Amino acid sequence: MLAGREGGRRVVTAADAAAKTLGLRVGMTIAQAQAQVPGLEIRPAEPDADRMSLGRLALWLLQRISPLVALDGTEAIVIDVTGAAHLHGGEAALLDGLVGRLAVSGITARAAIADTRGAAHALARFRADPVFIAPRGEVMAHIAPLPLAALRLPASLAAGLDTLGLMRIGDLAALPRAPLTRRFGPEPCRRLDQALGRVADPIEPVRINDLITARRRFAEPIAAPETIARYLGKLVTALCEALERRGLGARRLDLVCERTDGQAPALRVGLARPSRDAAHLARLLAAKIENIDPGFGIEAMELVASRAEPLAARQAATSLIDAPAPDLAGLVDRLMSRVGPARVYRLAGVASDVPERSVRRIAPLSDDTSTGWPDNWPRPARLLPHPEPIETMALLPDHPPAWFIWRGTRHMIARADGPERIFGEWWTRDAELAAVRDYFRVEDTSGARYWIFRAGDGEDAATGSQRWFLHGLFG
């Protein structure tokens, strides 16, 4: 439990799960907590260090998750994932991955996604376990049972509402607004409207110092896609000129559009290589303009090179020298922008005899410094993610099977070659000390060719289960 000062009193500022089970809560005095639980371990709170740590975490999220990240008080972070969730495999995958990575770092977190910042704030604190996603358009149904504290109301105001029997957000929403506002002021209704998306709830995003930016404010708000695209092109040109002066190229661009209602929709594009080609960057951003909701108009646009790397000038190709190799960076950038960077990659070989361990994913334009597959035995064009069990029969342990059944279909084998024996990697784990696989290339009567293996040598149970599996298909 952590203790801090509130005025002239020492109060509880944080309590873990064990303390809460003993009836301790944030806000109670230290004297009361010690009287209630003798021998209680109390440590001094360090709010300044907490704010610094939260700020570092926000910058980390800004680099990896979304271009719009803001601090929410002293214990939470707001992330606008509009247009960014699909780059991380969807909303569920984004939350699970984020909470999981924080847990690996020793940080216990709860997270929620909702239509509004206010609803996400409430659900993350009172509903997530450890994550929660509110379906679109169903915010009220999910926040109605939550206590009024979930609306970011001051403790004194929440206590005053509680004296009237208003304990849940749904109770507050059911009351007439005029008498409620006369008695308690506009704050309860304002917070409720922010949670429901009726009133703007802007955030103040964190920014990395010394970023290269280009900004333009408009005399009149703009909303037409063609107008946004025209000014976007001017921003890209200005940004590329600034990058050139510093000898840098952009690896990631963030476009933030400030609307008249205080909202700031943003979009992000990444690049496979540093670039300051204005035409190419403008095309990547223009392809995502449809994801920007201008609302009642955009009054300012800011383009940020949130990640930049050194980029030296290159000599243009001429007919007097050899033609340069084709540059695939533009194609890779368009694919990454469309389907997400995690889905664009190359496969490279790894020094391993076990087929499923013999390949790894690498960046699409990275140098291939890996080893290839063994060239003494052919390998299938398609390797299944996991070996799939088949039913089969072989006359002798070192003979190929006469037939096999895979996915409910029987295949009669016309030709076969093998076995190729692959031993387990004993240095990886003890279970592979005696492991053996015997692989066969087989062709069925229709001409289709498959890569199958027996787990074991066909005789000794210590070498494997002696079951048969299909692992790949030849072209």
Protein backbone atom coordinates (compact mmCIF):
# COMPACT_ATOMS: atom_id res chain seq x y z
CA MET A 1 0.00 0.00 0.00
CA LEU A 2 1.22 3.53 -0.83
CA ALA A 3 0.75 6.60 1.34
CA GLY A 4 0.73 10.26 0.36
CA ARG A 5 -0.46 13.60 1.70
CA GLU A 6 -3.83 15.18 1.02
CA GLY A 7 -3.72 18.55 2.65
CA GLY A 8 -2.50 17.92 6.19
CA ARG A 9 -3.51 14.26 6.27
CA ARG A 10 -1.66 11.10 5.29
CA VAL A 11 -4.00 9.02 3.16
CA VAL A 12 -3.88 5.82 1.11
CA THR A 13 -3.06 6.65 -2.53
CA ALA A 14 -2.82 3.09 -3.87
CA ALA A 15 -3.73 -0.37 -2.60
CA ASP A 16 -3.08 -3.77 -4.14
CA ALA A 17 -5.59 -6.61 -4.43
CA ALA A 18 -4.60 -8.15 -1.08
CA ALA A 19 -5.13 -4.82 0.72
CA LYS A 20 -8.53 -4.34 -0.88
CA THR A 21 -9.67 -7.77 0.29
CA LEU A 22 -8.94 -6.58 3.84
CA GLY A 23 -11.29 -3.64 3.40
CA LEU A 24 -8.69 -0.98 2.68
CA ARG A 25 -9.42 1.59 0.01
CA VAL A 26 -7.86 4.58 -1.66
CA GLY A 27 -8.62 7.82 0.22
CA MET A 28 -8.86 6.44 3.74
CA THR A 29 -6.44 7.82 6.32
CA ILE A 30 -3.28 5.92 7.18
CA ALA A 31 -4.25 5.91 10.85
CA GLN A 32 -7.55 4.22 10.06
CA ALA A 33 -5.82 1.68 7.77
CA GLN A 34 -3.24 0.79 10.45
CA ALA A 35 -5.94 0.42 13.08
CA GLN A 36 -7.93 -1.85 10.78
CA VAL A 37 -4.95 -4.00 9.74
CA PRO A 38 -2.15 -4.13 12.34
CA GLY A 39 1.33 -4.65 10.88
CA LEU A 40 0.32 -3.16 7.54
CA GLU A 41 3.24 -2.51 5.16
CA ILE A 42 3.14 1.11 3.99
CA ARG A 43 5.46 2.68 1.46
CA PRO A 44 5.68 6.35 0.47
CA ALA A 45 4.09 7.31 -2.83
CA GLU A 46 6.29 8.85 -5.51
CA PRO A 47 3.88 10.78 -7.78
CA ASP A 48 6.63 12.52 -9.76
CA ALA A 49 8.31 9.22 -10.60
CA ASP A 50 4.92 7.73 -11.51
CA ARG A 51 4.20 10.59 -13.92
CA MET A 52 7.59 10.18 -15.57
CA SER A 53 7.08 6.43 -15.97
CA LEU A 54 3.60 6.97 -17.40
CA GLY A 55 5.02 9.51 -19.84
CA ARG A 56 7.67 7.04 -21.03
CA LEU A 57 4.99 4.40 -21.52
CA ALA A 58 2.89 6.88 -23.52
CA LEU A 59 5.85 7.58 -25.83
CA TRP A 60 6.35 3.84 -26.29
CA LEU A 61 2.69 3.45 -27.27
CA LEU A 62 2.95 6.43 -29.60
CA GLN A 63 5.75 4.69 -31.48
CA ARG A 64 4.07 1.29 -31.73
CA ILE A 65 0.28 1.58 -31.55
CA SER A 66 -1.25 4.89 -32.70
CA PRO A 67 -0.31 8.49 -33.56
CA LEU A 68 -2.76 9.82 -30.93
CA VAL A 69 -1.81 8.96 -27.36
CA ALA A 70 -2.53 11.08 -24.28
CA LEU A 71 -2.15 10.85 -20.52
CA ASP A 72 -5.38 10.32 -18.58
CA GLY A 73 -4.69 11.58 -15.10
CA THR A 74 -1.83 9.94 -13.19
CA GLU A 75 -2.71 6.31 -13.72
CA ALA A 76 -4.00 5.78 -17.24
CA ILE A 77 -3.36 6.43 -20.92
CA VAL A 78 -5.83 7.20 -23.70
CA ILE A 79 -5.13 5.77 -27.16
CA ASP A 80 -7.15 6.69 -30.23
CA VAL A 81 -7.01 3.48 -32.31
CA THR A 82 -9.37 4.70 -35.03
CA GLY A 83 -7.90 3.48 -38.30
CA ALA A 84 -5.00 1.74 -36.53
CA ALA A 85 -6.57 -1.39 -35.01
CA HIS A 86 -6.51 -3.34 -38.29
CA LEU A 87 -2.74 -2.89 -38.47
CA HIS A 88 -2.46 -4.95 -35.30
CA GLY A 89 -4.82 -7.76 -36.29
CA GLY A 90 -8.05 -6.17 -35.06
CA GLU A 91 -9.24 -4.67 -31.79
CA ALA A 92 -9.18 -7.91 -29.80
CA ALA A 93 -5.67 -8.81 -30.93
CA LEU A 94 -4.48 -5.27 -30.23
CA LEU A 95 -5.75 -5.31 -26.64
CA ASP A 96 -4.55 -8.83 -25.89
CA GLY A 97 -1.12 -8.12 -27.33
CA LEU A 98 -0.79 -4.81 -25.49
CA VAL A 99 -1.84 -6.16 -22.09
CA GLY A 100 0.35 -9.22 -22.63
CA ARG A 101 3.45 -7.18 -23.48
CA LEU A 102 2.91 -4.98 -20.43
CA ALA A 103 2.52 -8.08 -18.25
CA VAL A 104 5.87 -9.40 -19.52
CA SER A 105 7.39 -6.08 -18.42
CA GLY A 106 5.89 -6.48 -14.94
CA ILE A 107 3.00 -4.04 -15.46
CA THR A 108 -0.52 -5.21 -14.64
CA ALA A 109 -2.98 -3.36 -16.86
CA ARG A 110 -6.64 -3.33 -17.83
CA ALA A 111 -7.81 -2.00 -21.17
CA ALA A 112 -11.09 -1.29 -22.94
CA ILE A 113 -12.19 -0.10 -26.36
CA ALA A 114 -15.41 1.89 -26.81
CA ASP A 115 -16.94 4.49 -29.10
CA THR A 116 -15.89 7.36 -26.81
CA ARG A 117 -13.06 8.23 -24.48
CA GLY A 118 -15.42 8.56 -21.51
CA ALA A 119 -16.93 5.13 -22.06
CA ALA A 120 -13.51 3.51 -22.49
CA HIS A 121 -12.37 5.23 -19.26
CA ALA A 122 -15.32 3.77 -17.36
CA LEU A 123 -15.13 0.27 -18.84
CA ALA A 124 -11.37 -0.07 -18.33
CA ARG A 125 -11.71 0.67 -14.63
CA PHE A 126 -14.97 -1.06 -13.75
CA ARG A 127 -15.62 -3.74 -16.39
CA ALA A 128 -12.39 -4.94 -18.06
CA ASP A 129 -10.96 -8.24 -16.81
CA PRO A 130 -8.35 -7.55 -18.09
CA VAL A 131 -9.78 -6.38 -21.44
CA PHE A 132 -13.22 -5.42 -22.71
CA ILE A 133 -14.54 -4.29 -26.09
CA ALA A 134 -17.91 -2.54 -26.26
CA PRO A 135 -19.67 -3.17 -29.59
CA ARG A 136 -20.34 -0.07 -31.66
CA GLY A 137 -23.51 1.75 -30.74
CA GLU A 138 -23.97 -0.13 -27.45
CA VAL A 139 -22.14 2.18 -25.07
CA MET A 140 -25.13 2.99 -22.86
CA ALA A 141 -26.04 -0.65 -22.32
CA HIS A 142 -22.57 -1.39 -20.98
CA ILE A 143 -21.95 1.70 -18.83
CA ALA A 144 -25.45 1.97 -17.30
CA PRO A 145 -24.71 -0.56 -14.47
CA LEU A 146 -21.40 1.11 -13.56
CA PRO A 147 -21.03 3.41 -10.51
CA LEU A 148 -21.05 7.18 -10.95
CA ALA A 149 -17.32 7.31 -10.19
CA ALA A 150 -16.81 5.85 -13.66
CA LEU A 151 -17.92 9.19 -15.17
CA ARG A 152 -14.81 11.03 -13.91
CA LEU A 153 -16.89 13.02 -11.41
CA PRO A 154 -15.23 14.61 -8.35
CA ALA A 155 -15.59 12.49 -5.23
CA SER A 156 -17.63 15.17 -3.44
CA LEU A 157 -20.06 15.44 -6.35
CA ALA A 158 -20.46 11.66 -6.59
CA ALA A 159 -21.13 11.54 -2.84
CA GLY A 160 -23.81 14.24 -3.17
CA LEU A 161 -25.56 12.30 -5.92
CA ASP A 162 -25.34 9.15 -3.82
CA THR A 163 -27.35 10.82 -1.05
CA LEU A 164 -30.23 11.06 -3.53
CA GLY A 165 -30.03 7.34 -4.26
CA LEU A 166 -28.23 7.83 -7.58
CA MET A 167 -25.64 5.06 -7.48
CA ARG A 168 -25.36 4.01 -11.14
CA ILE A 169 -24.86 5.79 -14.44
CA GLY A 170 -28.22 4.46 -15.59
CA ASP A 171 -29.90 6.15 -12.60
CA LEU A 172 -28.36 9.48 -13.60
CA ALA A 173 -29.36 9.11 -17.26
CA ALA A 174 -33.00 8.51 -16.30
CA LEU A 175 -33.37 11.83 -14.42
CA PRO A 176 -34.68 15.09 -15.93
CA ARG A 177 -31.71 17.32 -16.66
CA ALA A 178 -33.00 20.73 -15.62
CA PRO A 179 -33.44 20.02 -11.89
CA LEU A 180 -30.23 17.99 -11.83
CA THR A 181 -28.24 20.87 -13.36
CA ARG A 182 -29.78 23.45 -10.99
CA ARG A 183 -28.71 21.45 -7.95
CA PHE A 184 -25.35 19.96 -8.97
CA GLY A 185 -24.21 22.18 -11.85
CA PRO A 186 -23.45 21.14 -15.44
CA GLU A 187 -20.68 18.63 -14.64
CA PRO A 188 -22.80 15.43 -14.23
CA CYS A 189 -24.66 15.93 -17.51
CA ARG A 190 -21.50 17.01 -19.34
CA ARG A 191 -19.61 13.89 -18.29
CA LEU A 192 -22.56 11.70 -19.23
CA ASP A 193 -22.82 13.33 -22.65
CA GLN A 194 -19.09 12.88 -23.21
CA ALA A 195 -19.37 9.17 -22.42
CA LEU A 196 -22.28 8.87 -24.87
CA GLY A 197 -20.55 10.89 -27.60
CA ARG A 198 -22.97 13.82 -27.53
CA VAL A 199 -20.33 16.35 -26.45
CA ALA A 200 -16.73 16.62 -27.62
CA ASP A 201 -14.10 15.15 -25.31
CA PRO A 202 -10.78 16.15 -26.90
CA ILE A 203 -7.44 14.78 -25.77
CA GLU A 204 -4.08 16.52 -25.58
CA PRO A 205 -1.74 14.09 -27.35
CA VAL A 206 1.83 13.61 -26.23
CA ARG A 207 4.56 14.65 -28.63
CA ILE A 208 8.15 13.57 -29.08
CA ASN A 209 10.58 16.48 -29.00
CA ASP A 210 12.56 17.39 -32.12
CA LEU A 211 10.19 15.73 -34.57
CA ILE A 212 10.11 16.99 -38.14
CA THR A 213 6.64 18.36 -38.82
CA ALA A 214 4.69 20.35 -41.36
CA ARG A 215 1.56 22.18 -40.22
CA ARG A 216 -1.14 24.22 -41.95
CA ARG A 217 -4.07 26.09 -40.44
CA PHE A 218 -7.00 27.07 -42.65
CA ALA A 219 -8.89 30.34 -42.73
CA GLU A 220 -12.10 28.33 -43.25
CA PRO A 221 -12.67 24.69 -42.25
CA ILE A 222 -12.30 22.15 -45.05
CA ALA A 223 -14.15 18.86 -45.45
CA ALA A 224 -14.14 17.74 -49.11
CA PRO A 225 -11.78 14.79 -49.80
CA GLU A 226 -10.25 16.51 -52.84
CA THR A 227 -9.50 19.62 -50.76
CA ILE A 228 -7.89 17.50 -48.03
CA ALA A 229 -5.81 15.71 -50.68
CA ARG A 230 -4.65 19.01 -52.21
CA TYR A 231 -3.41 20.44 -48.92
CA LEU A 232 -1.99 17.07 -47.96
CA GLY A 233 0.23 17.23 -51.03
CA LYS A 234 1.52 20.65 -49.93
CA LEU A 235 2.26 19.33 -46.44
CA VAL A 236 4.15 16.37 -47.86
CA THR A 237 6.26 18.66 -50.05
CA ALA A 238 7.14 20.87 -47.09
CA LEU A 239 7.97 17.87 -44.93
CA CYS A 240 10.22 16.31 -47.58
CA GLU A 241 12.12 19.59 -47.93
CA ALA A 242 12.72 19.61 -44.17
CA LEU A 243 13.84 15.97 -44.28
CA GLU A 244 16.26 16.70 -47.12
CA ARG A 245 17.85 19.57 -45.20
CA ARG A 246 18.65 17.17 -42.37
CA GLY A 247 19.68 14.25 -44.57
CA LEU A 248 16.82 12.06 -43.34
CA GLY A 249 14.07 9.94 -44.83
CA ALA A 250 10.69 9.12 -43.29
CA ARG A 251 9.99 5.59 -42.11
CA ARG A 252 6.62 6.47 -40.63
CA LEU A 253 4.23 9.38 -41.16
CA ASP A 254 1.37 10.52 -38.91
CA LEU A 255 -1.31 12.88 -40.20
CA VAL A 256 -3.38 14.61 -37.51
CA CYS A 257 -6.48 16.57 -38.54
CA GLU A 258 -7.85 19.04 -35.97
CA ARG A 259 -11.62 19.38 -36.34
CA THR A 260 -13.79 22.29 -35.30
CA ASP A 261 -15.42 20.17 -32.55
CA GLY A 262 -12.09 19.52 -30.83
CA GLN A 263 -11.66 15.97 -32.13
CA ALA A 264 -8.44 15.04 -33.92
CA PRO A 265 -8.74 12.04 -36.24
CA ALA A 266 -5.38 10.71 -37.37
CA LEU A 267 -3.91 8.19 -39.74
CA ARG A 268 -0.51 6.50 -39.90
CA VAL A 269 1.48 4.98 -42.74
CA GLY A 270 4.74 3.09 -42.51
CA LEU A 271 7.46 2.56 -45.09
CA ALA A 272 9.77 -0.34 -45.73
CA ARG A 273 12.73 1.99 -46.32
CA PRO A 274 13.46 5.65 -45.51
CA SER A 275 12.00 7.89 -48.18
CA ARG A 276 11.50 11.55 -48.97
CA ASP A 277 9.87 11.02 -52.36
CA ALA A 278 7.01 13.50 -52.07
CA ALA A 279 4.90 11.89 -54.81
CA HIS A 280 5.19 8.43 -53.28
CA LEU A 281 4.41 9.61 -49.73
CA ALA A 282 1.44 11.64 -50.95
CA ARG A 283 0.00 8.58 -52.73
CA LEU A 284 0.28 6.47 -49.57
CA LEU A 285 -1.49 9.08 -47.47
CA ALA A 286 -4.11 9.89 -50.11
CA ALA A 287 -5.12 6.22 -50.25
CA LYS A 288 -6.25 6.53 -46.61
CA ILE A 289 -8.09 9.85 -46.78
CA GLU A 290 -11.40 7.99 -46.82
CA ASN A 291 -10.64 6.88 -43.25
CA ILE A 292 -10.70 10.49 -42.02
CA ASP A 293 -14.05 11.77 -40.74
CA PRO A 294 -13.93 15.57 -41.22
CA GLY A 295 -17.03 16.13 -39.08
CA PHE A 296 -18.14 19.74 -39.44
CA GLY A 297 -14.78 20.70 -40.89
CA ILE A 298 -11.03 20.47 -40.39
CA GLU A 299 -9.39 23.70 -39.25
CA ALA A 300 -5.76 22.50 -39.13
CA MET A 301 -3.64 19.62 -40.43
CA GLU A 302 -0.26 18.48 -39.13
CA LEU A 303 2.02 15.96 -40.83
CA VAL A 304 4.66 14.40 -38.57
CA ALA A 305 7.63 12.21 -39.47
CA SER A 306 7.29 10.19 -36.27
CA ARG A 307 10.15 7.95 -37.35
CA ALA A 308 13.00 9.14 -39.54
CA GLU A 309 16.33 7.57 -40.50
CA PRO A 310 19.43 8.79 -42.35
CA LEU A 311 19.02 8.78 -46.12
CA ALA A 312 21.91 9.69 -48.40
CA ALA A 313 21.37 11.08 -51.88
CA ARG A 314 21.74 8.54 -54.70
CA GLN A 315 23.00 9.02 -58.22
CA ALA A 316 20.34 8.74 -60.88
CA ALA A 317 20.72 5.86 -63.34
CA THR A 318 22.02 6.63 -66.83
CA SER A 319 22.43 4.62 -69.98
CA LEU A 320 26.22 4.65 -69.50
CA ILE A 321 26.11 2.31 -66.52
CA ASP A 322 24.34 -0.91 -65.79
CA ALA A 323 20.62 -0.66 -65.24
CA PRO A 324 19.84 -0.61 -61.49
CA ALA A 325 17.94 -3.41 -59.84
CA PRO A 326 14.21 -2.76 -59.65
CA ASP A 327 13.18 -0.95 -56.48
CA LEU A 328 10.30 -2.77 -54.81
CA ALA A 329 10.00 -0.33 -51.91
CA GLY A 330 6.99 1.44 -53.43
CA LEU A 331 5.08 -1.81 -53.94
CA VAL A 332 5.91 -3.02 -50.43
CA ASP A 333 4.77 0.30 -48.94
CA ARG A 334 1.42 0.09 -50.73
CA LEU A 335 0.89 -3.49 -49.58
CA MET A 336 1.79 -2.63 -45.99
CA SER A 337 -0.57 0.33 -46.05
CA ARG A 338 -3.40 -1.84 -47.32
CA VAL A 339 -3.07 -5.04 -45.28
CA GLY A 340 -0.81 -4.02 -42.39
CA PRO A 341 2.95 -4.35 -41.88
CA ALA A 342 2.66 -7.64 -40.00
CA ARG A 343 1.26 -9.36 -43.10
CA VAL A 344 4.05 -8.36 -45.49
CA TYR A 345 7.26 -10.36 -45.06
CA ARG A 346 9.74 -12.73 -46.71
CA LEU A 347 10.77 -16.22 -45.70
CA ALA A 348 14.42 -16.97 -45.05
CA GLY A 349 16.14 -20.25 -44.29
CA VAL A 350 17.44 -21.22 -40.85
CA ALA A 351 20.17 -23.75 -40.09
CA SER A 352 17.87 -26.52 -38.89
CA ASP A 353 17.07 -29.97 -40.27
CA VAL A 354 13.59 -29.93 -38.72
CA PRO A 355 11.40 -28.53 -41.54
CA GLU A 356 9.09 -26.34 -39.45
CA ARG A 357 12.13 -24.73 -37.80
CA SER A 358 14.06 -24.22 -41.01
CA VAL A 359 12.34 -20.98 -42.06
CA ARG A 360 11.70 -17.62 -40.40
CA ARG A 361 10.02 -14.37 -41.30
CA ILE A 362 12.17 -11.38 -42.20
CA ALA A 363 11.39 -7.85 -43.34
CA PRO A 364 10.36 -7.76 -47.01
CA LEU A 365 13.36 -5.68 -48.13
CA SER A 366 15.99 -6.87 -45.66
CA ASP A 367 19.22 -8.48 -46.85
CA ASP A 368 19.02 -12.26 -46.92
CA THR A 369 22.00 -13.46 -44.91
CA SER A 370 20.47 -16.77 -43.89
CA THR A 371 21.21 -20.30 -45.02
CA GLY A 372 19.09 -22.17 -47.54
CA TRP A 373 17.35 -25.49 -47.26
CA PRO A 374 19.35 -28.67 -47.87
CA ASP A 375 19.92 -29.09 -51.60
CA ASN A 376 20.46 -32.85 -51.54
CA TRP A 377 16.74 -33.55 -51.08
CA PRO A 378 13.86 -31.67 -52.74
CA ARG A 379 11.51 -29.72 -50.51
CA PRO A 380 7.79 -29.06 -51.12
CA ALA A 381 6.57 -25.75 -52.51
CA ARG A 382 4.01 -25.53 -49.71
CA LEU A 383 4.81 -26.50 -46.13
CA LEU A 384 1.77 -26.88 -43.88
CA PRO A 385 1.77 -24.77 -40.68
CA HIS A 386 1.62 -27.99 -38.67
CA PRO A 387 1.95 -31.64 -39.75
CA GLU A 388 -1.52 -33.13 -40.17
CA PRO A 389 -2.18 -36.76 -39.14
CA ILE A 390 -3.09 -39.25 -41.87
CA GLU A 391 -4.26 -42.85 -41.92
CA THR A 392 -2.00 -45.16 -43.90
CA MET A 393 -0.37 -48.57 -44.09
CA ALA A 394 3.21 -49.58 -44.97
CA LEU A 395 4.25 -53.17 -45.65
CA LEU A 396 7.68 -52.80 -43.99
CA PRO A 397 9.15 -50.14 -41.67
CA ASP A 398 11.47 -48.76 -44.34
CA HIS A 399 8.88 -48.97 -47.13
CA PRO A 400 6.59 -46.15 -48.23
CA PRO A 401 2.84 -46.63 -47.62
CA ALA A 402 0.58 -48.08 -50.29
CA TRP A 403 -2.18 -45.53 -49.61
CA PHE A 404 -3.14 -42.79 -47.16
CA ILE A 405 -6.29 -40.97 -46.10
CA TRP A 406 -6.00 -37.20 -45.61
CA ARG A 407 -8.94 -34.95 -44.74
CA GLY A 408 -11.37 -37.74 -45.48
CA THR A 409 -10.01 -38.53 -48.97
CA ARG A 410 -8.15 -41.74 -49.82
CA HIS A 411 -5.07 -41.42 -52.04
CA MET A 412 -3.60 -44.47 -53.76
CA ILE A 413 0.18 -44.12 -54.07
CA ALA A 414 1.62 -44.77 -57.52
CA ARG A 415 5.24 -43.73 -56.90
CA ALA A 416 7.37 -42.98 -53.85
CA ASP A 417 10.91 -41.97 -52.99
CA GLY A 418 12.63 -42.20 -49.60
CA PRO A 419 13.06 -42.44 -46.76
CA GLU A 420 14.97 -39.32 -45.80
CA ARG A 421 15.73 -39.66 -42.11
CA ILE A 422 15.74 -36.52 -39.97
CA PHE A 423 16.89 -36.74 -36.38
CA GLY A 424 15.62 -34.62 -33.51
CA GLU A 425 17.62 -31.68 -32.28
CA TRP A 426 18.82 -33.07 -28.94
CA TRP A 427 20.28 -29.69 -27.94
CA THR A 428 16.84 -28.10 -28.14
CA ARG A 429 15.04 -30.31 -25.65
CA ASP A 430 15.52 -33.70 -23.98
CA ALA A 431 12.43 -35.18 -25.67
CA GLU A 432 14.29 -35.11 -29.01
CA LEU A 433 17.33 -37.10 -27.89
CA ALA A 434 16.11 -40.20 -29.71
CA ALA A 435 13.45 -38.66 -31.96
CA VAL A 436 13.41 -39.72 -35.62
CA ARG A 437 11.32 -38.83 -38.65
CA ASP A 438 11.32 -40.78 -41.91
CA TYR A 439 10.14 -38.58 -44.82
CA PHE A 440 8.83 -39.89 -48.17
CA ARG A 441 7.94 -38.07 -51.38
CA VAL A 442 4.88 -39.79 -52.77
CA GLU A 443 2.72 -39.34 -55.88
CA ASP A 444 -0.86 -40.55 -56.03
CA THR A 445 -2.67 -41.93 -59.05
CA SER A 446 -3.97 -38.45 -59.99
CA GLY A 447 -0.42 -37.07 -60.26
CA ALA A 448 -0.48 -34.97 -57.07
CA ARG A 449 2.68 -35.18 -54.98
CA TYR A 450 2.91 -35.02 -51.20
CA TRP A 451 5.52 -34.97 -48.46
CA ILE A 452 4.67 -37.42 -45.66
CA PHE A 453 6.61 -38.80 -42.72
CA ARG A 454 6.43 -41.36 -39.95
CA ALA A 455 7.23 -40.15 -36.44
CA GLY A 456 9.71 -42.85 -35.43
CA ASP A 457 11.83 -45.50 -37.09
CA GLY A 458 8.96 -48.00 -37.34
CA GLU A 459 10.32 -50.25 -34.60
CA ASP A 460 11.49 -48.53 -31.44
CA ALA A 461 8.81 -46.65 -29.48
CA ALA A 462 11.47 -44.35 -28.01
CA THR A 463 12.04 -42.78 -31.43
CA GLY A 464 8.46 -41.58 -31.88
CA SER A 465 4.77 -42.45 -31.85
CA GLN A 466 5.08 -44.37 -35.18
CA ARG A 467 2.12 -42.36 -36.49
CA TRP A 468 2.06 -40.92 -40.00
CA PHE A 469 1.69 -37.25 -40.93
CA LEU A 470 1.41 -35.11 -44.07
CA HIS A 471 3.73 -32.12 -43.89
CA GLY A 472 3.81 -30.53 -47.34
CA LEU A 473 2.62 -30.47 -50.95
CA PHE A 474 4.78 -30.22 -54.03
CA GLY A 475 3.78 -27.91 -56.89
